[in-house]
Amino acid sequence: MTSQSQGIQQLLQAEKRAKDKVEEAKKRKGKRLKQAKEEAIAEVDHYRLQREKEFRNKQTNVMGSQGNLSAKIEEQTTETIRNLTSSYHKNMESMMKKLLNTICDINPEVHPNFRHAV
């Protein structure tokens, strides 16, 4: 009977050791999962920062060229206004004379469609 009870005790102890090993393995697995999650988050954050930096560089390049384009358009507009103003001042007097001659020189004539009532 004592040998049976010793055998049972050994089985219980072996079962307890196995249970402890399983719990220890579960703890290690939990730690490893937590560590893997932290590593993944760090990797995602690093990737996100890298992509944002690339985006900002591209945005700066595009916006910089738009700034240059805006300056060119402004310069062209100023030049066009300057040309139009100079043309206006150069041709203003002759056009005013033509306009006044057309308005002031009246030649009264009877319209061809006018009929006299007889």
C-alpha atoms as a PDB file:
ATOM      1  CA  MET A   1       0.000   0.000   0.000  1.00  0.00           C
ATOM      2  CA  THR A   2       2.845   2.340   0.726  1.00  0.00           C
ATOM      3  CA  SER A   3       4.296   1.665  -2.679  1.00  0.00           C
ATOM      4  CA  GLN A   4       0.966   2.577  -4.244  1.00  0.00           C
ATOM      5  CA  SER A   5       0.779   5.731  -2.184  1.00  0.00           C
ATOM      6  CA  GLN A   6       4.359   6.592  -3.156  1.00  0.00           C
ATOM      7  CA  GLY A   7       3.477   5.965  -6.795  1.00  0.00           C
ATOM      8  CA  ILE A   8       0.448   8.231  -6.476  1.00  0.00           C
ATOM      9  CA  GLN A   9       2.583  10.878  -4.765  1.00  0.00           C
ATOM     10  CA  GLN A  10       5.120  10.674  -7.593  1.00  0.00           C
ATOM     11  CA  LEU A  11       2.345  10.984 -10.158  1.00  0.00           C
ATOM     12  CA  LEU A  12       0.893  14.001  -8.355  1.00  0.00           C
ATOM     13  CA  GLN A  13       4.339  15.597  -8.151  1.00  0.00           C
ATOM     14  CA  ALA A  14       4.983  14.876 -11.834  1.00  0.00           C
ATOM     15  CA  GLU A  15       1.581  16.335 -12.686  1.00  0.00           C
ATOM     16  CA  LYS A  16       2.368  19.419 -10.590  1.00  0.00           C
ATOM     17  CA  ARG A  17       5.762  19.839 -12.303  1.00  0.00           C
ATOM     18  CA  ALA A  18       4.118  19.458 -15.716  1.00  0.00           C
ATOM     19  CA  LYS A  19       1.468  22.010 -14.743  1.00  0.00           C
ATOM     20  CA  ASP A  20       4.189  24.424 -13.571  1.00  0.00           C
ATOM     21  CA  LYS A  21       6.094  23.936 -16.837  1.00  0.00           C
ATOM     22  CA  VAL A  22       2.935  24.606 -18.860  1.00  0.00           C
ATOM     23  CA  GLU A  23       2.247  27.769 -16.844  1.00  0.00           C
ATOM     24  CA  GLU A  24       5.853  28.890 -17.288  1.00  0.00           C
ATOM     25  CA  ALA A  25       5.580  28.268 -21.041  1.00  0.00           C
ATOM     26  CA  LYS A  26       2.348  30.306 -21.154  1.00  0.00           C
ATOM     27  CA  LYS A  27       4.084  33.160 -19.320  1.00  0.00           C
ATOM     28  CA  ARG A  28       7.030  33.058 -21.743  1.00  0.00           C
ATOM     29  CA  LYS A  29       4.614  32.982 -24.671  1.00  0.00           C
ATOM     30  CA  GLY A  30       2.732  35.999 -23.253  1.00  0.00           C
ATOM     31  CA  LYS A  31       6.005  37.896 -22.755  1.00  0.00           C
ATOM     32  CA  ARG A  32       7.125  37.045 -26.292  1.00  0.00           C
ATOM     33  CA  LEU A  33       3.760  38.158 -27.745  1.00  0.00           C
ATOM     34  CA  LYS A  34       3.972  41.410 -25.802  1.00  0.00           C
ATOM     35  CA  GLN A  35       7.560  41.960 -26.986  1.00  0.00           C
ATOM     36  CA  ALA A  36       6.586  41.169 -30.605  1.00  0.00           C
ATOM     37  CA  LYS A  37       3.691  43.634 -30.362  1.00  0.00           C
ATOM     38  CA  GLU A  38       6.013  46.362 -29.040  1.00  0.00           C
ATOM     39  CA  GLU A  39       8.520  45.655 -31.819  1.00  0.00           C
ATOM     40  CA  ALA A  40       5.763  45.808 -34.432  1.00  0.00           C
ATOM     41  CA  ILE A  41       4.494  49.123 -33.062  1.00  0.00           C
ATOM     42  CA  ALA A  42       8.038  50.537 -33.089  1.00  0.00           C
ATOM     43  CA  GLU A  43       8.538  49.338 -36.676  1.00  0.00           C
ATOM     44  CA  VAL A  44       5.210  50.852 -37.784  1.00  0.00           C
ATOM     45  CA  ASP A  45       6.064  54.158 -36.091  1.00  0.00           C
ATOM     46  CA  HIS A  46       9.478  54.204 -37.786  1.00  0.00           C
ATOM     47  CA  TYR A  47       7.896  53.460 -41.180  1.00  0.00           C
ATOM     48  CA  ARG A  48       5.233  56.148 -40.632  1.00  0.00           C
ATOM     49  CA  LEU A  49       7.864  58.758 -39.739  1.00  0.00           C
ATOM     50  CA  GLN A  50       9.920  57.820 -42.793  1.00  0.00           C
ATOM     51  CA  ARG A  51       6.903  58.101 -45.132  1.00  0.00           C
ATOM     52  CA  GLU A  52       5.832  61.431 -43.574  1.00  0.00           C
ATOM     53  CA  LYS A  53       9.357  62.775 -44.096  1.00  0.00           C
ATOM     54  CA  GLU A  54       9.283  61.697 -47.759  1.00  0.00           C
ATOM     55  CA  PHE A  55       5.838  63.272 -48.146  1.00  0.00           C
ATOM     56  CA  ARG A  56       7.026  66.565 -46.635  1.00  0.00           C
ATOM     57  CA  ASN A  57      10.037  66.590 -48.980  1.00  0.00           C
ATOM     58  CA  LYS A  58       7.836  65.984 -52.029  1.00  0.00           C
ATOM     59  CA  GLN A  59       5.344  68.579 -50.826  1.00  0.00           C
ATOM     60  CA  THR A  60       8.131  71.111 -50.340  1.00  0.00           C
ATOM     61  CA  ASN A  61       9.441  70.416 -53.844  1.00  0.00           C
ATOM     62  CA  VAL A  62       5.987  70.814 -55.391  1.00  0.00           C
ATOM     63  CA  MET A  63       5.043  73.859 -53.341  1.00  0.00           C
ATOM     64  CA  GLY A  64       8.450  75.398 -54.021  1.00  0.00           C
ATOM     65  CA  SER A  65       7.952  75.036 -57.759  1.00  0.00           C
ATOM     66  CA  GLN A  66       4.452  76.460 -57.403  1.00  0.00           C
ATOM     67  CA  GLY A  67       5.959  79.433 -55.601  1.00  0.00           C
ATOM     68  CA  ASN A  68       8.355  79.963 -58.517  1.00  0.00           C
ATOM     69  CA  LEU A  69       5.476  79.557 -60.955  1.00  0.00           C
ATOM     70  CA  SER A  70       3.456  82.122 -59.036  1.00  0.00           C
ATOM     71  CA  ALA A  71       6.347  84.585 -59.168  1.00  0.00           C
ATOM     72  CA  LYS A  72       6.694  84.033 -62.937  1.00  0.00           C
ATOM     73  CA  ILE A  73       2.980  84.611 -63.500  1.00  0.00           C
ATOM     74  CA  GLU A  74       3.119  87.764 -61.376  1.00  0.00           C
ATOM     75  CA  GLU A  75       6.081  89.035 -63.390  1.00  0.00           C
ATOM     76  CA  GLN A  76       4.351  88.296 -66.714  1.00  0.00           C
ATOM     77  CA  THR A  77       1.188  90.040 -65.536  1.00  0.00           C
ATOM     78  CA  THR A  78       3.148  93.107 -64.487  1.00  0.00           C
ATOM     79  CA  GLU A  79       4.917  93.191 -67.869  1.00  0.00           C
ATOM     80  CA  THR A  80       1.601  92.871 -69.743  1.00  0.00           C
ATOM     81  CA  ILE A  81       0.060  95.702 -67.701  1.00  0.00           C
ATOM     82  CA  ARG A  82       3.118  97.865 -68.370  1.00  0.00           C
ATOM     83  CA  ASN A  83       2.853  97.187 -72.140  1.00  0.00           C
ATOM     84  CA  LEU A  84      -0.881  97.949 -72.199  1.00  0.00           C
ATOM     85  CA  THR A  85      -0.386 101.183 -70.249  1.00  0.00           C
ATOM     86  CA  SER A  86       2.353 102.340 -72.589  1.00  0.00           C
ATOM     87  CA  SER A  87       0.217 101.476 -75.640  1.00  0.00           C
ATOM     88  CA  TYR A  88      -2.707 103.370 -74.105  1.00  0.00           C
ATOM     89  CA  HIS A  89      -0.649 106.511 -73.531  1.00  0.00           C
ATOM     90  CA  LYS A  90       0.902 106.313 -76.998  1.00  0.00           C
ATOM     91  CA  ASN A  91      -2.432 105.924 -78.868  1.00  0.00           C
ATOM     92  CA  MET A  92      -4.778 107.894 -76.618  1.00  0.00           C
ATOM     93  CA  GLU A  93      -4.447 111.296 -78.288  1.00  0.00           C
ATOM     94  CA  SER A  94      -4.894 110.055 -81.863  1.00  0.00           C
ATOM     95  CA  MET A  95      -7.922 107.967 -80.857  1.00  0.00           C
ATOM     96  CA  MET A  96      -9.489 110.928 -79.038  1.00  0.00           C
ATOM     97  CA  LYS A  97      -9.075 113.078 -82.184  1.00  0.00           C
ATOM     98  CA  LYS A  98     -10.675 110.381 -84.348  1.00  0.00           C
ATOM     99  CA  LEU A  99     -13.528 109.962 -81.894  1.00  0.00           C
ATOM    100  CA  LEU A 100     -14.181 113.704 -81.627  1.00  0.00           C
ATOM    101  CA  ASN A 101     -14.025 114.133 -85.424  1.00  0.00           C
ATOM    102  CA  THR A 102     -16.553 111.346 -85.862  1.00  0.00           C
ATOM    103  CA  ILE A 103     -18.881 112.856 -83.265  1.00  0.00           C
ATOM    104  CA  CYS A 104     -18.499 116.539 -84.132  1.00  0.00           C
ATOM    105  CA  ASP A 105     -18.431 116.365 -87.942  1.00  0.00           C
ATOM    106  CA  ILE A 106     -22.117 115.941 -88.684  1.00  0.00           C
ATOM    107  CA  ASN A 107     -23.300 115.774 -92.277  1.00  0.00           C
ATOM    108  CA  PRO A 108     -27.072 116.115 -92.239  1.00  0.00           C
ATOM    109  CA  GLU A 109     -28.649 113.909 -94.860  1.00  0.00           C
ATOM    110  CA  VAL A 110     -32.096 112.596 -95.468  1.00  0.00           C
ATOM    111  CA  HIS A 111     -32.301 108.931 -94.832  1.00  0.00           C
ATOM    112  CA  PRO A 112     -32.958 106.893 -97.984  1.00  0.00           C
ATOM    113  CA  ASN A 113     -36.050 105.296 -96.444  1.00  0.00           C
ATOM    114  CA  PHE A 114     -37.694 108.625 -95.700  1.00  0.00           C
ATOM    115  CA  ARG A 115     -40.755 109.339 -97.861  1.00  0.00           C
ATOM    116  CA  HIS A 116     -42.386 112.682 -98.284  1.00  0.00           C
ATOM    117  CA  ALA A 117     -46.059 112.752 -97.783  1.00  0.00           C
ATOM    118  CA  VAL A 118     -47.541 114.351-100.870  1.00  0.00           C
END
